[in-house]
C-alpha atoms as a PDB file:
ATOM      1  CA  MET A   1       0.033  -0.139   0.152  1.00  0.00           C
ATOM      2  CA  SER A   2       1.441   3.356  -0.937  1.00  0.00           C
ATOM      3  CA  SER A   3       1.340   6.364   1.392  1.00  0.00           C
ATOM      4  CA  SER A   4       0.310   9.538   0.794  1.00  0.00           C
ATOM      5  CA  VAL A   5       2.448  13.029   0.985  1.00  0.00           C
ATOM      6  CA  GLN A   6       0.106  13.554   3.974  1.00  0.00           C
ATOM      7  CA  ASP A   7       0.854  10.614   5.646  1.00  0.00           C
ATOM      8  CA  MET A   8       4.275  10.946   5.314  1.00  0.00           C
ATOM      9  CA  SER A   9       4.281  14.728   6.461  1.00  0.00           C
ATOM     10  CA  ASN A  10       2.524  13.379   9.311  1.00  0.00           C
ATOM     11  CA  GLU A  11       5.489  10.799  10.039  1.00  0.00           C
ATOM     12  CA  LEU A  12       8.015  13.645   9.903  1.00  0.00           C
ATOM     13  CA  ARG A  13       6.276  15.763  12.574  1.00  0.00           C
ATOM     14  CA  GLY A  14       7.104  13.056  15.098  1.00  0.00           C
ATOM     15  CA  VAL A  15      10.673  13.207  14.601  1.00  0.00           C
ATOM     16  CA  GLN A  16      12.736  14.258  17.465  1.00  0.00           C
ATOM     17  CA  GLY A  17      13.356  17.888  17.632  1.00  0.00           C
ATOM     18  CA  ALA A  18      11.959  18.500  14.142  1.00  0.00           C
ATOM     19  CA  TRP A  19      11.369  22.224  13.452  1.00  0.00           C
ATOM     20  CA  GLN A  20       7.767  22.655  13.602  1.00  0.00           C
ATOM     21  CA  GLY A  21       7.792  26.186  11.409  1.00  0.00           C
ATOM     22  CA  GLY A  22       7.335  29.529  12.399  1.00  0.00           C
ATOM     23  CA  PRO A  23      10.124  32.344  12.808  1.00  0.00           C
ATOM     24  CA  CYS A  24      13.567  31.625  13.053  1.00  0.00           C
ATOM     25  CA  PRO A  25      14.553  32.253  17.176  1.00  0.00           C
ATOM     26  CA  ASN A  26      17.372  34.291  15.365  1.00  0.00           C
ATOM     27  CA  CYS A  27      16.618  36.298  12.581  1.00  0.00           C
ATOM     28  CA  GLY A  28      12.574  36.260  12.629  1.00  0.00           C
ATOM     29  CA  GLU A  29      12.511  34.792   8.897  1.00  0.00           C
ATOM     30  CA  ASP A  30       9.396  32.592   8.671  1.00  0.00           C
ATOM     31  CA  VAL A  31      11.056  29.445   7.993  1.00  0.00           C
ATOM     32  CA  PRO A  32       8.457  26.348   7.461  1.00  0.00           C
ATOM     33  CA  ALA A  33       8.623  22.854   9.740  1.00  0.00           C
ATOM     34  CA  ASN A  34      10.956  19.961   9.497  1.00  0.00           C
ATOM     35  CA  VAL A  35      13.977  22.070   7.983  1.00  0.00           C
ATOM     36  CA  VAL A  36      17.483  21.791   9.813  1.00  0.00           C
ATOM     37  CA  HIS A  37      18.593  25.437   8.726  1.00  0.00           C
ATOM     38  CA  CYS A  38      17.162  28.703   8.407  1.00  0.00           C
ATOM     39  CA  VAL A  39      16.172  29.583   5.098  1.00  0.00           C
ATOM     40  CA  ASN A  40      17.328  33.217   4.915  1.00  0.00           C
ATOM     41  CA  VAL A  41      21.069  33.067   3.701  1.00  0.00           C
ATOM     42  CA  LYS A  42      22.687  35.287   6.318  1.00  0.00           C
ATOM     43  CA  CYS A  43      21.229  33.424   9.267  1.00  0.00           C
ATOM     44  CA  ARG A  44      21.350  29.456   8.710  1.00  0.00           C
ATOM     45  CA  MET A  45      20.881  28.940  12.134  1.00  0.00           C
ATOM     46  CA  LEU A  46      20.382  25.268  13.236  1.00  0.00           C
ATOM     47  CA  LEU A  47      16.754  24.889  14.204  1.00  0.00           C
ATOM     48  CA  ASN A  48      16.645  21.075  14.857  1.00  0.00           C
ATOM     49  CA  SER A  49      17.700  20.957  18.644  1.00  0.00           C
ATOM     50  CA  GLU A  50      18.724  16.874  18.413  1.00  0.00           C
ATOM     51  CA  LEU A  51      21.178  18.277  15.567  1.00  0.00           C
ATOM     52  CA  THR A  52      24.937  19.641  16.379  1.00  0.00           C
ATOM     53  CA  GLU A  53      27.324  21.732  13.648  1.00  0.00           C
ATOM     54  CA  ASP A  54      29.348  18.954  13.569  1.00  0.00           C
ATOM     55  CA  SER A  55      27.109  16.403  13.416  1.00  0.00           C
ATOM     56  CA  ILE A  56      25.866  17.690   9.687  1.00  0.00           C
ATOM     57  CA  GLU A  57      27.334  19.013   6.654  1.00  0.00           C
ATOM     58  CA  ILE A  58      26.509  22.121   5.278  1.00  0.00           C
ATOM     59  CA  PRO A  59      26.501  22.307   1.453  1.00  0.00           C
ATOM     60  CA  GLU A  60      28.566  25.308  -0.161  1.00  0.00           C
ATOM     61  CA  PHE A  61      25.417  27.789  -1.323  1.00  0.00           C
ATOM     62  CA  ILE A  62      25.782  28.253  -5.568  1.00  0.00           C
ATOM     63  CA  PRO A  63      23.083  30.415  -6.374  1.00  0.00           C
ATOM     64  CA  LEU A  64      21.537  29.787  -9.713  1.00  0.00           C
ATOM     65  CA  PRO A  65      22.396  31.817 -12.963  1.00  0.00           C
ATOM     66  CA  GLU A  66      19.568  34.303 -13.586  1.00  0.00           C
ATOM     67  CA  ILE A  67      17.344  32.697 -16.388  1.00  0.00           C
ATOM     68  CA  GLN A  68      17.074  35.537 -19.472  1.00  0.00           C
ATOM     69  CA  GLU A  69      13.683  35.782 -21.197  1.00  0.00           C
ATOM     70  CA  MET A  70      13.439  33.867 -25.030  1.00  0.00           C
ATOM     71  CA  LYS A  71      12.356  36.852 -27.077  1.00  0.00           C
ATOM     72  CA  ASN A  72      11.265  36.229 -30.783  1.00  0.00           C
ATOM     73  CA  ALA A  73      12.916  38.103 -33.275  1.00  0.00           C
ATOM     74  CA  ARG A  74      10.759  38.752 -36.750  1.00  0.00           C
ATOM     75  CA  ALA A  75      13.472  39.173 -39.987  1.00  0.00           C
ATOM     76  CA  ARG A  76      13.056  42.802 -41.327  1.00  0.00           C
ATOM     77  CA  GLY A  77      14.469  41.872 -44.470  1.00  0.00           C
ATOM     78  CA  HIS A  78      16.725  39.216 -46.257  1.00  0.00           C
ATOM     79  CA  TYR A  79      19.753  39.133 -48.359  1.00  0.00           C
ATOM     80  CA  ILE A  80      19.394  37.404 -51.791  1.00  0.00           C
ATOM     81  CA  ARG A  81      21.394  37.047 -54.340  1.00  0.00           C
ATOM     82  CA  CYS A  82      20.621  38.256 -57.935  1.00  0.00           C
ATOM     83  CA  GLY A  83      19.573  36.347 -60.138  1.00  0.00           C
ATOM     84  CA  GLY A  84      21.454  38.361 -63.534  1.00  0.00           C
ATOM     85  CA  CYS A  85      24.739  39.968 -62.018  1.00  0.00           C
ATOM     86  CA  SER A  86      25.094  37.683 -58.707  1.00  0.00           C
ATOM     87  CA  GLU A  87      25.576  40.216 -56.714  1.00  0.00           C
ATOM     88  CA  GLU A  88      24.232  40.168 -52.560  1.00  0.00           C
ATOM     89  CA  LEU A  89      21.143  42.145 -52.411  1.00  0.00           C
ATOM     90  CA  ARG A  90      19.383  43.416 -48.747  1.00  0.00           C
ATOM     91  CA  ILE A  91      16.011  43.744 -49.763  1.00  0.00           C
ATOM     92  CA  ASN A  92      13.229  44.833 -46.667  1.00  0.00           C
ATOM     93  CA  ALA A  93      10.187  42.998 -45.880  1.00  0.00           C
ATOM     94  CA  LYS A  94       8.220  45.365 -46.773  1.00  0.00           C
ATOM     95  CA  TYR A  95       8.490  44.649 -50.322  1.00  0.00           C
ATOM     96  CA  ALA A  96       7.662  40.675 -50.301  1.00  0.00           C
ATOM     97  CA  GLY A  97       5.457  39.952 -53.408  1.00  0.00           C
ATOM     98  CA  ALA A  98       6.827  42.862 -55.279  1.00  0.00           C
ATOM     99  CA  THR A  99       8.795  42.935 -58.315  1.00  0.00           C
ATOM    100  CA  VAL A 100      11.946  44.603 -57.553  1.00  0.00           C
ATOM    101  CA  GLN A 101      15.040  45.900 -59.520  1.00  0.00           C
ATOM    102  CA  CYS A 102      19.024  44.937 -58.726  1.00  0.00           C
ATOM    103  CA  ARG A 103      20.815  48.179 -58.085  1.00  0.00           C
ATOM    104  CA  HIS A 104      23.629  46.577 -60.061  1.00  0.00           C
ATOM    105  CA  CYS A 105      22.762  45.573 -63.283  1.00  0.00           C
ATOM    106  CA  ASP A 106      18.653  46.655 -63.106  1.00  0.00           C
ATOM    107  CA  HIS A 107      17.898  42.914 -63.575  1.00  0.00           C
ATOM    108  CA  THR A 108      13.961  42.836 -61.835  1.00  0.00           C
ATOM    109  CA  PHE A 109      12.116  39.737 -60.389  1.00  0.00           C
ATOM    110  CA  GLU A 110       9.471  39.112 -58.159  1.00  0.00           C
ATOM    111  CA  TYR A 111      10.599  38.963 -54.467  1.00  0.00           C
ATOM    112  CA  THR A 112       8.635  36.284 -53.482  1.00  0.00           C
ATOM    113  CA  PRO A 113       8.999  33.056 -50.524  1.00  0.00           C
ATOM    114  CA  VAL A 114      10.436  31.338 -53.767  1.00  0.00           C
ATOM    115  CA  VAL A 115      13.576  33.752 -53.895  1.00  0.00           C
ATOM    116  CA  GLU A 116      16.401  31.752 -52.666  1.00  0.00           C
ATOM    117  CA  ARG A 117      17.581  33.602 -49.234  1.00  0.00           C
ATOM    118  CA  ILE A 118      21.064  33.729 -48.706  1.00  0.00           C
ATOM    119  CA  ALA A 119      20.133  35.359 -44.601  1.00  0.00           C
ATOM    120  CA  MET A 120      17.623  37.268 -42.717  1.00  0.00           C
ATOM    121  CA  TYR A 121      18.472  40.714 -41.000  1.00  0.00           C
ATOM    122  CA  MET A 122      16.968  42.112 -37.785  1.00  0.00           C
ATOM    123  CA  ASN A 123      17.313  43.914 -34.559  1.00  0.00           C
ATOM    124  CA  CYS A 124      17.503  42.036 -31.480  1.00  0.00           C
ATOM    125  CA  PRO A 125      14.896  43.192 -28.948  1.00  0.00           C
ATOM    126  CA  HIS A 126      17.117  42.768 -26.039  1.00  0.00           C
ATOM    127  CA  CYS A 127      19.480  45.479 -27.386  1.00  0.00           C
ATOM    128  CA  SER A 128      18.584  46.793 -30.333  1.00  0.00           C
ATOM    129  CA  GLU A 129      21.795  45.602 -32.646  1.00  0.00           C
ATOM    130  CA  GLU A 130      21.077  44.739 -35.739  1.00  0.00           C
ATOM    131  CA  ILE A 131      22.343  41.317 -36.286  1.00  0.00           C
ATOM    132  CA  ARG A 132      22.032  38.897 -40.258  1.00  0.00           C
ATOM    133  CA  ALA A 133      21.833  35.952 -39.721  1.00  0.00           C
ATOM    134  CA  SER A 134      21.822  32.467 -42.425  1.00  0.00           C
ATOM    135  CA  MET A 135      18.571  31.351 -43.059  1.00  0.00           C
ATOM    136  CA  LYS A 136      19.488  27.490 -41.603  1.00  0.00           C
ATOM    137  CA  TYR A 137      18.699  29.596 -38.220  1.00  0.00           C
ATOM    138  CA  ALA A 138      15.434  30.090 -39.174  1.00  0.00           C
ATOM    139  CA  GLY A 139      13.010  28.907 -36.304  1.00  0.00           C
ATOM    140  CA  GLN A 140      16.454  28.120 -34.117  1.00  0.00           C
ATOM    141  CA  LYS A 141      17.221  29.587 -30.504  1.00  0.00           C
ATOM    142  CA  VAL A 142      20.189  31.507 -30.579  1.00  0.00           C
ATOM    143  CA  ALA A 143      22.050  34.229 -28.340  1.00  0.00           C
ATOM    144  CA  CYS A 144      22.650  37.852 -29.805  1.00  0.00           C
ATOM    145  CA  ARG A 145      26.348  37.842 -30.824  1.00  0.00           C
ATOM    146  CA  PHE A 146      26.336  41.626 -29.062  1.00  0.00           C
ATOM    147  CA  CYS A 147      24.329  41.030 -25.878  1.00  0.00           C
ATOM    148  CA  LYS A 148      24.161  37.264 -25.490  1.00  0.00           C
ATOM    149  CA  GLY A 149      20.464  37.783 -25.255  1.00  0.00           C
ATOM    150  CA  ALA A 150      18.273  34.726 -25.607  1.00  0.00           C
ATOM    151  CA  LEU A 151      16.419  34.628 -29.121  1.00  0.00           C
ATOM    152  CA  GLN A 152      13.756  32.475 -31.601  1.00  0.00           C
ATOM    153  CA  LEU A 153      14.886  33.425 -34.742  1.00  0.00           C
ATOM    154  CA  GLU A 154      11.559  33.967 -37.192  1.00  0.00           C
ATOM    155  CA  GLY A 155      12.515  34.219 -40.796  1.00  0.00           C
END
């Protein structure tokens, strides 16, 4: 027969010297029941009357790194190769579906999803720096090269 979490907490209440919960006698921080030390990092007073400092080992406190918010970065435009002269062109996404002209050779073509895109460009939502990313990273989670902010690239 398996015991529930409630059954287990009832068993712990019967442990000799176990902390019953309440404010720490040293710092006043509210401490939950059945802990050995105060939860306040600066206090860490031993709360179990049955234990001594030399009977327990206190692990080193290592703070966890802050988690950065993942933000979406939508492409403002793309870099493509001209079909006429093979020069690299930078075209803003607002021209999607329009007929565009190469500034180097005057070759005209439609800027549609069929056109092979080399890379995309966007501004980092964390630091506002412009980022150029290869199309192989579209849909991937990456870090900004300037601020190391977490990004989800949308091509």
